[in-house]
Amino acid sequence: MVIVGLCTFSLCYLFTKIEIGVGIGFGLFAIFSILRFRTQSFTVNAIIFLFATITLSILDIMYPFEKIELLLFFQIIIIGFYIIASIIVNKKASKYLNTVDVKIPLDEKFSLNQEFIRKSIQEKIRIEEFDFRIVLINTAANEIDVLVFY
């Protein structure tokens, strides 16, 4: 979320330093409306990446060339924070390079206990060291979809 704040600050700073028309505001509104309502749902990380990319593009095209050092400062800060945040957020997932979807049937003795799910996954696939995330609990089909990182 720090990246969104930096992007917003840099855009507001830019908009106070140059003369712009109402068209830029409508254009930005249109871009985010199209992304939100006309496409698939994005994860928070994807939305932040898109917002940072759009911000960097706007800064590149509209910033006065006389203040190139300020433009580079904003860009380096935004890109640096994005890289650091990506490393921190994806640290757990990057430990395991492969993923597989596993479906576990829901029966009378099923429990959402971590150890029970871990044992059920080990019965399906013979892997000792892994991590998992529950994707969907489908009560209509009586199964649970699990994403396994190994």
C-alpha atoms as a PDB file:
ATOM      1  CA  MET A   1       0.000   0.000   0.000  1.00  0.00           C
ATOM      2  CA  VAL A   2       3.037   2.264   0.399  1.00  0.00           C
ATOM      3  CA  ILE A   3       3.477   2.061  -3.357  1.00  0.00           C
ATOM      4  CA  VAL A   4      -0.067   3.345  -3.954  1.00  0.00           C
ATOM      5  CA  GLY A   5       0.647   6.245  -1.608  1.00  0.00           C
ATOM      6  CA  LEU A   6       3.900   7.065  -3.397  1.00  0.00           C
ATOM      7  CA  CYS A   7       2.194   6.901  -6.783  1.00  0.00           C
ATOM      8  CA  THR A   8      -0.654   9.121  -5.630  1.00  0.00           C
ATOM      9  CA  PHE A   9       1.764  11.635  -4.101  1.00  0.00           C
ATOM     10  CA  SER A  10       3.931  11.753  -7.207  1.00  0.00           C
ATOM     11  CA  LEU A  11       0.897  12.235  -9.477  1.00  0.00           C
ATOM     12  CA  CYS A  12      -0.542  14.982  -7.267  1.00  0.00           C
ATOM     13  CA  TYR A  13       2.850  16.677  -7.130  1.00  0.00           C
ATOM     14  CA  LEU A  14       3.077  16.510 -10.915  1.00  0.00           C
ATOM     15  CA  PHE A  15      -0.441  17.862 -11.382  1.00  0.00           C
ATOM     16  CA  THR A  16       0.342  20.884  -9.182  1.00  0.00           C
ATOM     17  CA  LYS A  17       3.468  21.711 -11.199  1.00  0.00           C
ATOM     18  CA  ILE A  18       2.005  21.613 -14.713  1.00  0.00           C
ATOM     19  CA  GLU A  19      -1.138  22.901 -16.384  1.00  0.00           C
ATOM     20  CA  ILE A  20      -3.488  20.080 -17.242  1.00  0.00           C
ATOM     21  CA  GLY A  21      -7.013  19.919 -18.484  1.00  0.00           C
ATOM     22  CA  VAL A  22      -9.999  18.048 -17.211  1.00  0.00           C
ATOM     23  CA  GLY A  23      -9.296  15.432 -19.875  1.00  0.00           C
ATOM     24  CA  ILE A  24      -6.478  13.868 -17.838  1.00  0.00           C
ATOM     25  CA  GLY A  25      -8.830  13.331 -14.898  1.00  0.00           C
ATOM     26  CA  PHE A  26     -11.470  11.764 -17.113  1.00  0.00           C
ATOM     27  CA  GLY A  27      -8.809   9.655 -18.817  1.00  0.00           C
ATOM     28  CA  LEU A  28      -7.521   8.270 -15.516  1.00  0.00           C
ATOM     29  CA  PHE A  29     -11.086   7.611 -14.375  1.00  0.00           C
ATOM     30  CA  ALA A  30     -11.779   5.781 -17.642  1.00  0.00           C
ATOM     31  CA  ILE A  31      -8.634   3.651 -17.359  1.00  0.00           C
ATOM     32  CA  PHE A  32      -9.460   2.478 -13.837  1.00  0.00           C
ATOM     33  CA  SER A  33     -13.144   1.993 -14.667  1.00  0.00           C
ATOM     34  CA  ILE A  34     -12.257  -0.226 -17.606  1.00  0.00           C
ATOM     35  CA  LEU A  35      -9.830  -2.217 -15.469  1.00  0.00           C
ATOM     36  CA  ARG A  36     -12.397  -2.647 -12.719  1.00  0.00           C
ATOM     37  CA  PHE A  37     -15.608  -3.346 -14.614  1.00  0.00           C
ATOM     38  CA  ARG A  38     -14.617  -4.707 -18.017  1.00  0.00           C
ATOM     39  CA  THR A  39     -12.008  -7.293 -17.098  1.00  0.00           C
ATOM     40  CA  GLN A  40     -11.550 -10.201 -14.760  1.00  0.00           C
ATOM     41  CA  SER A  41     -11.019  -9.587 -11.067  1.00  0.00           C
ATOM     42  CA  PHE A  42      -7.450  -8.721 -10.193  1.00  0.00           C
ATOM     43  CA  THR A  43      -5.521  -9.506  -7.059  1.00  0.00           C
ATOM     44  CA  VAL A  44      -4.350  -6.638  -4.883  1.00  0.00           C
ATOM     45  CA  ASN A  45      -0.786  -7.149  -6.120  1.00  0.00           C
ATOM     46  CA  ALA A  46      -1.915  -6.928  -9.743  1.00  0.00           C
ATOM     47  CA  ILE A  47      -3.886  -3.745  -9.103  1.00  0.00           C
ATOM     48  CA  ILE A  48      -0.898  -2.146  -7.371  1.00  0.00           C
ATOM     49  CA  PHE A  49       1.340  -3.189 -10.275  1.00  0.00           C
ATOM     50  CA  LEU A  50      -1.089  -1.680 -12.799  1.00  0.00           C
ATOM     51  CA  PHE A  51      -1.424   1.523 -10.788  1.00  0.00           C
ATOM     52  CA  ALA A  52       2.356   1.861 -10.469  1.00  0.00           C
ATOM     53  CA  THR A  53       2.828   1.176 -14.195  1.00  0.00           C
ATOM     54  CA  ILE A  54       0.211   3.746 -15.179  1.00  0.00           C
ATOM     55  CA  THR A  55       1.743   6.273 -12.765  1.00  0.00           C
ATOM     56  CA  LEU A  56       5.229   5.769 -14.188  1.00  0.00           C
ATOM     57  CA  SER A  57       3.873   6.173 -17.711  1.00  0.00           C
ATOM     58  CA  ILE A  58       2.066   9.413 -16.842  1.00  0.00           C
ATOM     59  CA  LEU A  59       5.148  10.760 -15.087  1.00  0.00           C
ATOM     60  CA  ASP A  60       7.318   9.940 -18.105  1.00  0.00           C
ATOM     61  CA  ILE A  61       5.092  11.664 -20.615  1.00  0.00           C
ATOM     62  CA  MET A  62       4.089  14.756 -18.644  1.00  0.00           C
ATOM     63  CA  TYR A  63       6.993  15.677 -16.396  1.00  0.00           C
ATOM     64  CA  PRO A  64       9.004  18.737 -17.477  1.00  0.00           C
ATOM     65  CA  PHE A  65      12.390  17.761 -18.859  1.00  0.00           C
ATOM     66  CA  GLU A  66      14.065  20.544 -16.844  1.00  0.00           C
ATOM     67  CA  LYS A  67      13.314  18.589 -13.659  1.00  0.00           C
ATOM     68  CA  ILE A  68      14.560  15.211 -14.849  1.00  0.00           C
ATOM     69  CA  GLU A  69      16.319  14.530 -11.524  1.00  0.00           C
ATOM     70  CA  LEU A  70      13.005  14.776  -9.642  1.00  0.00           C
ATOM     71  CA  LEU A  71      11.366  12.459 -12.167  1.00  0.00           C
ATOM     72  CA  LEU A  72      14.148   9.913 -11.759  1.00  0.00           C
ATOM     73  CA  PHE A  73      13.864  10.202  -7.974  1.00  0.00           C
ATOM     74  CA  PHE A  74      10.123   9.394  -8.071  1.00  0.00           C
ATOM     75  CA  GLN A  75      10.643   6.531 -10.492  1.00  0.00           C
ATOM     76  CA  ILE A  76      13.503   4.954  -8.541  1.00  0.00           C
ATOM     77  CA  ILE A  77      11.548   5.190  -5.277  1.00  0.00           C
ATOM     78  CA  ILE A  78       8.381   3.653  -6.782  1.00  0.00           C
ATOM     79  CA  ILE A  79      10.251   0.852  -8.574  1.00  0.00           C
ATOM     80  CA  GLY A  80      12.461   0.182  -5.535  1.00  0.00           C
ATOM     81  CA  PHE A  81       9.515  -0.078  -3.166  1.00  0.00           C
ATOM     82  CA  TYR A  82       7.694  -2.344  -5.615  1.00  0.00           C
ATOM     83  CA  ILE A  83      10.660  -4.705  -5.903  1.00  0.00           C
ATOM     84  CA  ILE A  84      11.182  -4.820  -2.131  1.00  0.00           C
ATOM     85  CA  ALA A  85       7.466  -5.394  -1.478  1.00  0.00           C
ATOM     86  CA  SER A  86       7.334  -8.143  -4.115  1.00  0.00           C
ATOM     87  CA  ILE A  87      10.255  -9.930  -2.498  1.00  0.00           C
ATOM     88  CA  ILE A  88       8.692  -9.680   0.962  1.00  0.00           C
ATOM     89  CA  VAL A  89       5.207 -10.773  -0.157  1.00  0.00           C
ATOM     90  CA  ASN A  90       6.382 -13.648  -2.373  1.00  0.00           C
ATOM     91  CA  LYS A  91       9.042 -14.948   0.008  1.00  0.00           C
ATOM     92  CA  LYS A  92       6.902 -17.836   1.290  1.00  0.00           C
ATOM     93  CA  ALA A  93       5.682 -18.885  -2.150  1.00  0.00           C
ATOM     94  CA  SER A  94       9.149 -18.643  -3.682  1.00  0.00           C
ATOM     95  CA  LYS A  95      10.469 -21.267  -1.251  1.00  0.00           C
ATOM     96  CA  TYR A  96       8.525 -23.840  -3.245  1.00  0.00           C
ATOM     97  CA  LEU A  97       8.933 -23.634  -7.006  1.00  0.00           C
ATOM     98  CA  ASN A  98       6.128 -25.949  -8.138  1.00  0.00           C
ATOM     99  CA  THR A  99       2.402 -25.955  -7.511  1.00  0.00           C
ATOM    100  CA  VAL A 100      -0.336 -28.499  -8.016  1.00  0.00           C
ATOM    101  CA  ASP A 101      -4.106 -28.402  -7.500  1.00  0.00           C
ATOM    102  CA  VAL A 102      -5.451 -31.142  -5.252  1.00  0.00           C
ATOM    103  CA  LYS A 103      -9.094 -32.007  -4.626  1.00  0.00           C
ATOM    104  CA  ILE A 104      -9.875 -33.559  -1.264  1.00  0.00           C
ATOM    105  CA  PRO A 105     -13.294 -35.183  -0.788  1.00  0.00           C
ATOM    106  CA  LEU A 106     -15.449 -33.902   2.051  1.00  0.00           C
ATOM    107  CA  ASP A 107     -16.733 -36.749   4.185  1.00  0.00           C
ATOM    108  CA  GLU A 108     -18.150 -37.096   7.703  1.00  0.00           C
ATOM    109  CA  LYS A 109     -14.738 -37.152   9.397  1.00  0.00           C
ATOM    110  CA  PHE A 110     -13.321 -34.176   7.462  1.00  0.00           C
ATOM    111  CA  SER A 111     -11.955 -31.275   9.512  1.00  0.00           C
ATOM    112  CA  LEU A 112     -10.443 -27.920   8.570  1.00  0.00           C
ATOM    113  CA  ASN A 113      -7.605 -28.669  10.956  1.00  0.00           C
ATOM    114  CA  GLN A 114      -4.230 -27.941   9.337  1.00  0.00           C
ATOM    115  CA  GLU A 115      -2.813 -31.336  10.298  1.00  0.00           C
ATOM    116  CA  PHE A 116      -5.822 -33.223   8.918  1.00  0.00           C
ATOM    117  CA  ILE A 117      -5.568 -31.395   5.580  1.00  0.00           C
ATOM    118  CA  ARG A 118      -1.797 -31.959   5.501  1.00  0.00           C
ATOM    119  CA  LYS A 119      -2.300 -35.693   6.073  1.00  0.00           C
ATOM    120  CA  SER A 120      -4.976 -35.835   3.346  1.00  0.00           C
ATOM    121  CA  ILE A 121      -2.627 -34.131   0.887  1.00  0.00           C
ATOM    122  CA  GLN A 122       0.205 -36.517   1.755  1.00  0.00           C
ATOM    123  CA  GLU A 123      -2.112 -39.457   1.044  1.00  0.00           C
ATOM    124  CA  LYS A 124      -2.912 -38.052  -2.406  1.00  0.00           C
ATOM    125  CA  ILE A 125       0.627 -37.033  -3.375  1.00  0.00           C
ATOM    126  CA  ARG A 126       3.713 -38.525  -1.796  1.00  0.00           C
ATOM    127  CA  ILE A 127       5.568 -35.337  -0.815  1.00  0.00           C
ATOM    128  CA  GLU A 128       7.053 -34.697   2.609  1.00  0.00           C
ATOM    129  CA  GLU A 129       7.858 -30.972   2.515  1.00  0.00           C
ATOM    130  CA  PHE A 130       5.136 -28.715   1.136  1.00  0.00           C
ATOM    131  CA  ASP A 131       2.833 -25.852   1.958  1.00  0.00           C
ATOM    132  CA  PHE A 132      -0.788 -25.410   0.926  1.00  0.00           C
ATOM    133  CA  ARG A 133      -3.558 -22.877   0.561  1.00  0.00           C
ATOM    134  CA  ILE A 134      -7.277 -23.625   0.523  1.00  0.00           C
ATOM    135  CA  VAL A 135      -8.715 -22.231  -2.693  1.00  0.00           C
ATOM    136  CA  LEU A 136     -12.353 -23.294  -2.523  1.00  0.00           C
ATOM    137  CA  ILE A 137     -14.653 -25.343  -0.330  1.00  0.00           C
ATOM    138  CA  ASN A 138     -17.271 -26.750  -2.691  1.00  0.00           C
ATOM    139  CA  THR A 139     -20.152 -28.151  -0.658  1.00  0.00           C
ATOM    140  CA  ALA A 140     -22.205 -28.909  -3.777  1.00  0.00           C
ATOM    141  CA  ALA A 141     -19.577 -31.326  -5.092  1.00  0.00           C
ATOM    142  CA  ASN A 142     -18.457 -32.318  -1.552  1.00  0.00           C
ATOM    143  CA  GLU A 143     -14.814 -31.489  -2.161  1.00  0.00           C
ATOM    144  CA  ILE A 144     -12.214 -28.955  -1.185  1.00  0.00           C
ATOM    145  CA  ASP A 145      -9.771 -27.439  -3.692  1.00  0.00           C
ATOM    146  CA  VAL A 146      -6.275 -26.970  -2.313  1.00  0.00           C
ATOM    147  CA  LEU A 147      -3.259 -25.356  -3.993  1.00  0.00           C
ATOM    148  CA  VAL A 148      -0.122 -27.207  -2.908  1.00  0.00           C
ATOM    149  CA  PHE A 149       3.328 -25.589  -3.090  1.00  0.00           C
ATOM    150  CA  TYR A 150       6.227 -28.086  -3.246  1.00  0.00           C
END
